[in-house]
């Protein structure tokens, strides 16, 4: 019995762009195009849907690539700020104890 790998294959932005262009220009279905270039149909479908969202043609519920990047950045900043707040709380508590000695 073979095990499925837990690591997913990473594709460059250029490869994804070309794959989406193939779907749009060839008249092939996503499944046919995916088979031709050796990627999963689900993955290629996601790339096509993301392309639509980035061009303003997708569902309003789907974030554009720029929005996803901004969300990642804001979450990272939030995490860093929360860590800073925790350090400052500990420092304030330490100095409060020291000033009462």
Protein backbone atom coordinates (compact mmCIF):
# COMPACT_ATOMS: atom_id res chain seq x y z
CA UNK A 1 0.00 0.00 0.00
CA UNK A 2 1.44 3.38 -0.94
CA UNK A 3 1.20 6.39 1.31
CA UNK A 4 0.28 9.82 0.01
CA UNK A 5 2.96 12.41 0.64
CA UNK A 6 2.17 15.05 3.24
CA UNK A 7 4.11 17.64 1.29
CA UNK A 8 2.38 19.45 -1.49
CA UNK A 9 4.10 20.42 -4.68
CA UNK A 10 4.81 24.14 -4.97
CA UNK A 11 4.35 25.87 -8.30
CA UNK A 12 5.72 29.25 -9.29
CA UNK A 13 3.42 32.19 -9.90
CA UNK A 14 4.51 32.11 -13.55
CA UNK A 15 3.53 28.43 -13.89
CA UNK A 16 0.13 29.12 -12.34
CA UNK A 17 -0.40 32.13 -14.61
CA UNK A 18 0.48 30.04 -17.67
CA UNK A 19 -1.80 27.22 -16.55
CA UNK A 20 -4.72 29.62 -16.12
CA UNK A 21 -3.99 31.13 -19.53
CA UNK A 22 -4.07 27.63 -21.03
CA UNK A 23 -7.56 27.06 -19.62
CA UNK A 24 -8.79 30.40 -20.98
CA UNK A 25 -7.21 30.13 -24.41
CA UNK A 26 -7.50 26.43 -25.24
CA UNK A 27 -11.20 25.87 -24.83
CA UNK A 28 -10.35 22.81 -22.72
CA UNK A 29 -12.06 22.06 -19.46
CA UNK A 30 -10.09 22.55 -16.26
CA UNK A 31 -9.84 18.78 -15.89
CA UNK A 32 -8.49 18.34 -19.43
CA UNK A 33 -5.97 21.15 -19.03
CA UNK A 34 -4.89 19.82 -15.63
CA UNK A 35 -4.31 16.37 -17.08
CA UNK A 36 -2.29 17.89 -19.93
CA UNK A 37 0.10 19.80 -17.67
CA UNK A 38 0.19 17.25 -14.84
CA UNK A 39 -1.51 19.09 -11.99
CA UNK A 40 -4.59 18.25 -9.97
CA UNK A 41 -7.88 19.49 -11.39
CA UNK A 42 -8.81 20.91 -7.99
CA UNK A 43 -5.59 22.89 -7.79
CA UNK A 44 -5.98 24.30 -11.29
CA UNK A 45 -9.62 25.15 -10.56
CA UNK A 46 -8.47 27.09 -7.48
CA UNK A 47 -5.95 29.01 -9.60
CA UNK A 48 -8.63 29.84 -12.19
CA UNK A 49 -11.03 31.01 -9.47
CA UNK A 50 -8.29 33.11 -7.83
CA UNK A 51 -7.51 34.68 -11.20
CA UNK A 52 -11.19 35.59 -11.60
CA UNK A 53 -11.22 37.16 -8.12
CA UNK A 54 -8.04 39.13 -8.87
CA UNK A 55 -9.67 40.49 -12.03
CA UNK A 56 -12.84 41.45 -10.14
CA UNK A 57 -14.92 38.73 -11.79
CA UNK A 58 -15.16 36.29 -8.91
CA UNK A 59 -17.47 35.92 -5.99
CA UNK A 60 -17.54 38.84 -3.57
CA UNK A 61 -16.75 36.35 -0.80
CA UNK A 62 -13.36 35.47 -2.33
CA UNK A 63 -10.38 37.61 -1.36
CA UNK A 64 -8.05 38.86 -4.08
CA UNK A 65 -4.38 37.93 -3.89
CA UNK A 66 -3.57 41.45 -2.68
CA UNK A 67 -6.20 41.18 0.05
CA UNK A 68 -4.84 37.79 1.13
CA UNK A 69 -1.32 39.22 1.34
CA UNK A 70 -2.56 42.20 3.36
CA UNK A 71 -4.42 39.86 5.71
CA UNK A 72 -1.25 37.77 6.23
CA UNK A 73 0.74 40.95 6.93
CA UNK A 74 -1.85 42.31 9.37
CA UNK A 75 -2.08 39.00 11.23
CA UNK A 76 1.72 38.88 11.53
CA UNK A 77 1.80 42.47 12.84
CA UNK A 78 -0.99 41.70 15.28
CA UNK A 79 0.90 38.65 16.59
CA UNK A 80 4.05 40.74 17.05
CA UNK A 81 2.13 43.49 18.85
CA UNK A 82 0.47 40.96 21.16
CA UNK A 83 3.91 39.59 22.05
CA UNK A 84 5.17 43.12 22.76
CA UNK A 85 2.15 43.80 24.99
CA UNK A 86 2.83 40.61 26.97
CA UNK A 87 6.48 41.63 27.50
CA UNK A 88 5.42 45.12 28.62
CA UNK A 89 2.86 43.66 31.06
CA UNK A 90 5.56 41.48 32.61
CA UNK A 91 7.97 44.40 32.80
CA UNK A 92 5.33 46.62 34.42
CA UNK A 93 4.53 43.92 36.97
CA UNK A 94 8.24 43.49 37.74
CA UNK A 95 8.80 47.23 38.26
CA UNK A 96 5.64 47.51 40.35
CA UNK A 97 6.96 44.76 42.67
CA UNK A 98 10.38 46.39 42.82
CA UNK A 99 8.98 49.82 43.70
CA UNK A 100 7.09 48.41 46.72
CA UNK A 101 10.21 46.84 48.26
